[in-house]
Amino acid sequence: MTNQTHDMYHDHDGLHWSGNPNQALIAEIALVPTPEYSATALDIGAGEGADAMYLATHGYAVTALEPSEIASGRITCALTTEELRRHVTVRTEPFETAHLEEYDLVTAFYTPLRDAEETLTKLLGSIKPGGHLVIVHHDDITHMAQRENADVTDFLTPDRLHQIITGRYLDDYEVLTHGEFTRHVTGGMGAGHTIDRVLHIIRRP
């Protein structure tokens, strides 16, 4: 998902995130060349849409994929200008079953993607040649695993994906960023989390 700061696909009974784009997203987007007019982005687990709207104002036509009807409804309500409505498409579908194209930029912030071959194939296949993927999780995903009734090792975290890329796909992908990002979030449900793990890769042309 994205920041806000949010975890997972859950609504948390109407509670809200900070409403700000994720700090790691802002930092990593600064490393991406200014997009062309037709550039596209996919925000997997878009939450309440702060990241999607940030990308829309920075040159992308964004598909905000958010299966929670409450959260996706908040994205739609937040599209208060014609420009945002033109550049953000909200889809209420889980990543695993959504029909996707290839995108210039793919983001997945705090999204409970499973460490499964079909998920990996679909995620990597959603990146255009020359395109970027930024995936972020909190450094401790214990609470996420509990909510998903799973083990912490069941998820495709930035560190796990980095292990897969460096072990199997270095001919196809370049690692641009891999490491720790310190967050400074003072409001919303993500305020208690101060450290994220970040992976930013590029699909080789």
Protein backbone atom coordinates (compact mmCIF):
# COMPACT_ATOMS: atom_id res chain seq x y z
CA MET A 1 0.00 0.00 0.00
CA THR A 2 0.97 3.57 0.22
CA ASN A 3 1.42 6.23 2.85
CA GLN A 4 -1.12 7.66 4.39
CA THR A 5 0.78 5.61 6.19
CA HIS A 6 -1.01 2.35 5.76
CA ASP A 7 -0.64 -1.36 6.20
CA MET A 8 -2.41 -3.85 4.03
CA TYR A 9 -5.82 -4.01 2.48
CA HIS A 10 -7.70 -3.39 5.73
CA ASP A 11 -10.10 -0.58 6.53
CA HIS A 12 -9.38 -0.33 10.25
CA ASP A 13 -13.04 0.55 10.91
CA GLY A 14 -12.96 3.98 9.39
CA LEU A 15 -9.69 5.19 10.87
CA HIS A 16 -7.57 7.35 8.61
CA TRP A 17 -3.93 7.51 7.57
CA SER A 18 -1.91 10.71 7.56
CA GLY A 19 -3.07 11.75 4.09
CA ASN A 20 0.49 12.51 2.99
CA PRO A 21 2.49 10.74 0.26
CA ASN A 22 5.04 8.28 1.56
CA GLN A 23 8.42 9.84 2.25
CA ALA A 24 10.23 6.89 0.68
CA LEU A 25 8.14 7.34 -2.46
CA ILE A 26 9.13 10.99 -2.74
CA ALA A 27 12.80 10.08 -2.28
CA GLU A 28 12.74 7.26 -4.82
CA ILE A 29 10.73 9.17 -7.43
CA ALA A 30 13.49 11.77 -7.37
CA LEU A 31 15.74 9.06 -8.86
CA VAL A 32 13.36 8.38 -11.76
CA PRO A 33 13.70 10.47 -14.94
CA THR A 34 10.90 12.96 -15.50
CA PRO A 35 8.15 10.90 -17.14
CA GLU A 36 6.94 11.48 -20.65
CA TYR A 37 3.37 12.54 -21.30
CA SER A 38 2.15 8.97 -21.68
CA ALA A 39 3.89 7.55 -18.59
CA THR A 40 1.81 5.14 -16.53
CA ALA A 41 1.98 4.02 -12.90
CA LEU A 42 0.40 1.19 -10.94
CA ASP A 43 -0.09 1.68 -7.20
CA ILE A 44 -0.75 -1.75 -5.68
CA GLY A 45 -2.76 -1.48 -2.49
CA ALA A 46 -3.37 2.23 -2.91
CA GLY A 47 -5.03 2.76 0.47
CA GLU A 48 -6.66 6.19 0.60
CA GLY A 49 -4.73 7.38 -2.45
CA ALA A 50 -2.12 9.86 -1.22
CA ASP A 51 0.65 8.21 -3.22
CA ALA A 52 -1.54 7.82 -6.31
CA MET A 53 -2.44 11.50 -6.24
CA TYR A 54 1.19 12.48 -5.71
CA LEU A 55 2.17 10.47 -8.79
CA ALA A 56 -0.71 11.98 -10.78
CA THR A 57 0.65 15.45 -10.07
CA HIS A 58 4.12 14.35 -11.14
CA GLY A 59 3.38 13.27 -14.67
CA TYR A 60 1.80 9.81 -14.38
CA ALA A 61 -1.52 8.32 -15.41
CA VAL A 62 -2.11 6.21 -12.31
CA THR A 63 -4.05 3.00 -11.76
CA ALA A 64 -4.85 2.89 -8.05
CA LEU A 65 -5.51 -0.74 -7.18
CA GLU A 66 -7.28 -0.96 -3.82
CA PRO A 67 -9.60 -3.87 -2.97
CA SER A 68 -11.01 -2.26 0.18
CA GLU A 69 -14.26 -0.56 -0.77
CA ILE A 70 -13.94 1.90 2.11
CA ALA A 71 -10.40 2.94 1.20
CA SER A 72 -11.06 3.03 -2.55
CA GLY A 73 -14.15 5.13 -1.90
CA ARG A 74 -11.98 7.62 -0.06
CA ILE A 75 -9.66 7.81 -3.06
CA THR A 76 -12.61 8.61 -5.31
CA CYS A 77 -13.82 11.31 -2.90
CA ALA A 78 -10.32 12.82 -2.80
CA LEU A 79 -10.22 13.29 -6.59
CA THR A 80 -11.52 16.81 -6.26
CA THR A 81 -10.11 18.32 -9.46
CA GLU A 82 -10.63 17.50 -13.10
CA GLU A 83 -6.89 16.94 -13.48
CA LEU A 84 -6.86 14.29 -10.75
CA ARG A 85 -9.95 12.60 -12.13
CA ARG A 86 -8.29 12.43 -15.56
CA HIS A 87 -5.06 10.99 -14.21
CA VAL A 88 -6.18 8.55 -11.50
CA THR A 89 -8.22 5.42 -12.23
CA VAL A 90 -9.48 3.61 -9.13
CA ARG A 91 -9.93 -0.16 -9.37
CA THR A 92 -11.40 -2.14 -6.47
CA GLU A 93 -9.63 -5.42 -7.12
CA PRO A 94 -6.98 -7.48 -5.39
CA PHE A 95 -3.65 -7.58 -7.20
CA GLU A 96 -3.76 -11.35 -7.47
CA THR A 97 -6.85 -11.39 -9.73
CA ALA A 98 -6.58 -8.02 -11.51
CA HIS A 99 -5.88 -7.96 -15.24
CA LEU A 100 -2.87 -5.66 -15.60
CA GLU A 101 -0.81 -4.09 -18.34
CA GLU A 102 2.87 -3.09 -18.18
CA TYR A 103 3.62 0.20 -16.42
CA ASP A 104 6.48 2.68 -16.36
CA LEU A 105 6.33 2.72 -12.56
CA VAL A 106 4.94 0.15 -10.12
CA THR A 107 4.65 0.86 -6.40
CA ALA A 108 3.65 -1.45 -3.55
CA PHE A 109 3.77 0.06 -0.07
CA TYR A 110 2.93 -2.16 2.93
CA THR A 111 1.00 -4.54 0.67
CA PRO A 112 0.69 -8.19 1.79
CA LEU A 113 1.90 -9.79 -1.42
CA ARG A 114 2.67 -13.44 -0.86
CA ASP A 115 6.04 -15.00 -1.57
CA ALA A 116 4.70 -17.23 -4.33
CA GLU A 117 5.98 -17.81 -7.84
CA GLU A 118 2.75 -16.67 -9.48
CA THR A 119 2.78 -13.42 -7.48
CA LEU A 120 6.43 -12.80 -8.33
CA THR A 121 5.83 -13.46 -12.02
CA LYS A 122 2.85 -11.11 -12.12
CA LEU A 123 4.64 -8.36 -10.18
CA LEU A 124 7.76 -8.40 -12.34
CA GLY A 125 5.65 -8.76 -15.46
CA SER A 126 3.81 -5.52 -14.67
CA ILE A 127 7.00 -3.46 -15.19
CA LYS A 128 7.69 -2.13 -18.68
CA PRO A 129 11.20 -2.55 -20.10
CA GLY A 130 13.07 0.43 -18.67
CA GLY A 131 10.40 0.80 -15.98
CA HIS A 132 10.77 1.01 -12.20
CA LEU A 133 9.40 -0.91 -9.21
CA VAL A 134 9.45 0.50 -5.68
CA ILE A 135 8.37 -1.88 -2.91
CA VAL A 136 8.35 -0.88 0.76
CA HIS A 137 7.48 -2.56 4.06
CA HIS A 138 7.89 -1.69 7.69
CA ASP A 139 11.00 -3.27 9.17
CA ASP A 140 8.76 -5.36 11.47
CA ILE A 141 5.81 -6.98 9.69
CA THR A 142 4.65 -9.08 12.65
CA HIS A 143 1.32 -7.26 12.95
CA MET A 144 0.67 -7.60 9.24
CA ALA A 145 1.35 -11.31 9.40
CA GLN A 146 -1.02 -11.68 12.34
CA ARG A 147 -3.78 -9.87 10.49
CA GLU A 148 -3.24 -12.09 7.47
CA ASN A 149 -3.09 -15.22 9.65
CA ALA A 150 0.33 -16.01 8.19
CA ASP A 151 4.00 -16.19 9.09
CA VAL A 152 6.33 -13.24 8.49
CA THR A 153 8.26 -15.41 6.02
CA ASP A 154 5.18 -15.85 3.81
CA PHE A 155 5.43 -12.36 2.27
CA LEU A 156 7.28 -10.85 -0.63
CA THR A 157 9.13 -8.19 1.35
CA PRO A 158 11.74 -5.83 -0.12
CA ASP A 159 14.53 -7.95 1.34
CA ARG A 160 13.03 -11.19 0.03
CA LEU A 161 12.52 -9.71 -3.45
CA HIS A 162 16.09 -8.37 -3.40
CA GLN A 163 17.30 -11.89 -2.61
CA ILE A 164 15.33 -13.27 -5.55
CA ILE A 165 16.47 -10.56 -7.98
CA THR A 166 20.16 -10.89 -7.10
CA GLY A 167 19.97 -14.66 -7.15
CA ARG A 168 18.02 -15.17 -10.37
CA TYR A 169 17.35 -12.00 -12.35
CA LEU A 170 20.36 -9.69 -12.43
CA ASP A 171 20.50 -10.00 -16.22
CA ASP A 172 16.96 -8.58 -16.37
CA TYR A 173 16.80 -6.11 -13.46
CA GLU A 174 19.08 -3.52 -11.91
CA VAL A 175 18.91 -2.76 -8.18
CA LEU A 176 18.85 1.02 -7.72
CA THR A 177 18.04 1.17 -3.98
CA HIS A 178 18.01 -1.48 -1.28
CA GLY A 179 18.12 -0.62 2.37
CA GLU A 180 16.61 1.14 5.33
CA PHE A 181 14.60 4.36 5.26
CA THR A 182 13.85 6.34 8.41
CA ARG A 183 10.34 7.77 8.45
CA HIS A 184 9.10 10.89 10.22
CA VAL A 185 5.32 10.51 10.41
CA THR A 186 3.56 12.40 13.22
CA GLY A 187 -0.09 11.74 12.38
CA GLY A 188 -2.38 9.00 11.18
CA MET A 189 -2.25 5.29 11.85
CA GLY A 190 1.35 4.89 10.67
CA ALA A 191 2.83 7.32 13.18
CA GLY A 192 4.30 4.56 15.34
CA HIS A 193 6.47 3.11 12.58
CA THR A 194 9.83 4.81 12.10
CA ILE A 195 11.84 2.43 9.92
CA ASP A 196 10.98 1.04 6.49
CA ARG A 197 12.76 -1.40 4.23
CA VAL A 198 12.94 -0.19 0.64
CA LEU A 199 13.72 -1.85 -2.68
CA HIS A 200 13.82 0.07 -5.97
CA ILE A 201 14.61 -1.90 -9.12
CA ILE A 202 14.68 -1.13 -12.84
CA ARG A 203 13.73 -3.59 -15.54
CA ARG A 204 16.51 -3.50 -18.09
CA PRO A 205 15.37 -2.32 -21.57
